[in-house]
Amino acid sequence: MAKRWSDEDIRDLKKLALQYSAQTIAEKMDRTVAGVVFKAQQLGVSLKPRSRLTGSTASDLHRGASDV
């Protein structure tokens, strides 16, 4: 059975959504990503997109992998 959202959980979700992705919030709150996304949508809370490797970080990793 799904965990109910308490007032404290909702406050935490709103605060965490300012800085973290749904994946990270789910891990921090011990909930599923789908549950976090669904509740955020119900509340009209925007979530940050998942972080992705871009720019020099991605090319540095690629270059490092070819050196092995």
Protein backbone atom coordinates (compact mmCIF):
# COMPACT_ATOMS: atom_id res chain seq x y z
CA MET A 1 0.00 0.00 0.00
CA ALA A 2 1.24 3.49 -0.83
CA LYS A 3 2.59 5.76 1.87
CA ARG A 4 0.32 8.71 2.59
CA TRP A 5 1.70 12.22 2.19
CA SER A 6 1.76 14.09 5.50
CA ASP A 7 1.88 17.89 5.73
CA GLU A 8 5.56 17.55 6.62
CA ASP A 9 6.20 15.35 3.55
CA ILE A 10 4.58 17.97 1.32
CA ARG A 11 6.69 20.74 2.87
CA ASP A 12 9.81 18.63 2.33
CA LEU A 13 8.86 17.91 -1.29
CA LYS A 14 8.36 21.61 -2.03
CA LYS A 15 11.70 22.50 -0.43
CA LEU A 16 13.65 19.68 -2.11
CA ALA A 17 12.09 20.45 -5.51
CA LEU A 18 13.95 23.77 -5.56
CA GLN A 19 17.29 21.98 -5.71
CA TYR A 20 16.92 18.30 -6.65
CA SER A 21 15.56 16.04 -9.38
CA ALA A 22 12.61 13.68 -8.81
CA GLN A 23 15.06 10.75 -8.64
CA THR A 24 17.06 12.36 -5.84
CA ILE A 25 13.94 13.47 -3.97
CA ALA A 26 12.52 9.95 -4.17
CA GLU A 27 15.73 8.54 -2.69
CA LYS A 28 15.84 11.14 0.09
CA MET A 29 12.16 10.65 0.98
CA ASP A 30 12.11 6.85 0.56
CA ARG A 31 9.41 7.05 -2.12
CA THR A 32 9.11 6.01 -5.73
CA VAL A 33 10.00 8.44 -8.50
CA ALA A 34 6.48 8.03 -9.90
CA GLY A 35 5.00 8.91 -6.51
CA VAL A 36 7.13 12.04 -6.22
CA VAL A 37 6.31 13.15 -9.77
CA PHE A 38 2.59 12.50 -9.31
CA LYS A 39 2.41 14.43 -6.04
CA ALA A 40 4.44 17.32 -7.45
CA GLN A 41 2.04 17.54 -10.41
CA GLN A 42 -0.96 17.51 -8.06
CA LEU A 43 0.58 20.38 -6.09
CA GLY A 44 1.73 22.32 -9.15
CA VAL A 45 5.36 22.00 -8.04
CA SER A 46 8.02 22.09 -10.75
CA LEU A 47 10.77 19.50 -10.55
CA LYS A 48 14.31 19.89 -11.83
CA PRO A 49 15.24 17.67 -14.77
CA ARG A 50 17.67 14.82 -14.19
CA SER A 51 21.25 15.97 -14.37
CA ARG A 52 23.03 15.02 -17.58
CA LEU A 53 26.64 15.13 -18.61
CA THR A 54 27.24 17.97 -21.01
CA GLY A 55 30.06 20.04 -22.34
CA SER A 56 33.60 19.48 -21.13
CA THR A 57 32.62 16.94 -18.48
CA ALA A 58 31.24 14.56 -21.07
CA SER A 59 34.18 15.03 -23.43
CA ASP A 60 36.64 14.60 -20.55
CA LEU A 61 35.02 11.31 -19.60
CA HIS A 62 35.00 10.17 -23.20
CA ARG A 63 38.65 11.09 -23.64
CA GLY A 64 39.54 9.28 -20.42
CA ALA A 65 37.73 6.13 -21.53
CA SER A 66 39.68 5.99 -24.78
CA ASP A 67 42.97 6.28 -22.87
CA VAL A 68 42.33 3.00 -21.03
